[in-house]
Amino acid sequence: MIAIRSFCIATIVTAGCAFFGVAVHASPKPAQKAAVANPTPEQLDQGKQTFESTCSTCHGLDGGGAMGPNIQGIPFRLGTDAVANIIKNGISNGGMPAFGATLSAAQIQSVVDYLLSLTRKDAGPVNGDATRGKQVYAANGCANCHMIDGEGGDSGPELSNVGGERGPSYLRTTLLYPGEDLPQARVFLESGGQLDFLYVEVVTKDGHTVDGTRVAEDSFHIVLKDANGKFHSFRKEDLRDLKKEPGKSLMPSFKGKISDADINDLVAYLASLKGAQ
């Protein structure tokens, strides 16, 4: 019931969070200023603060998408002038509000600079072989939890387009340190913003312990999905303890368990997964 209500809320709110999605897919790409910037650390920090307070509800804390689309790398695809113009003037009938009345030109530029810094951080090189990486993926049982093109398990995130949504550096970090940099979820109204795949452990008043990733939560209930893909719903008043542990994950770390070469190959394979082209 919680999940159904959350889905309905997300459907209602999505109309207000289109941001760059319409611009990317519906408009021809004009000539724009090259995406080059050398902001100071102070300017980047200002951009980060402005982005988090103004943009992250729709686009996620890392720009990777939430109720609105993934905008990582958008200044490189559209140009910095186009991005600044969209932030200032919005997108007519596209669900993206204009922020020119509430943000100064300097604040808008700081947000663009911050988006550029996110892209550089996440990009990174691909040093492995995707064909060998596919073999590493199969040999280590990744398909038990993850689905690609309709095949595999569903206890972990779906990976058919992970290479289109995440850069090699992010993928490598996730393989070595699962849970360290969680994406932000797509439903925010009841919680004010939640992390996807957050590890949670609950203990009921009768002493029963369940751990898993959070699927849905409001003020009175929480729903978890365990490592076997089974859902567990709890009323918070029936719990003795509820522990949320950012940085922890049901996914095991590959650090020290497979070779560096295998890590490189696995990253190359995941980076190659970009859905239907």
Foldseek 3Di string as FASTA:
>chain_A
DQLVVLVVQLVVLLLQQAQCVCVVPPHDADDEAALDDDDDPVLLVLLLVCCVVPPCLAQWSLQLGASYHRCQCVCRVRNLVVNLVCQQPNDVSRNGHHCVVPDPSSNSSSNSVNSVVSNVQFADDQDAAQVVLVVLCVVVQVQCDEAAPRGGHPQDYHQLAQLVRTHLNVLLCCQAQNLQDFTKYHGAPQPNTHTFQWWKWWAFPVGDIDIAGWDGDHPFKTWGQHPNRDIDIDGPVRTPDMDTDRRDHPDDHCVVVDDPNNSSNNSNNSNPNRHDD
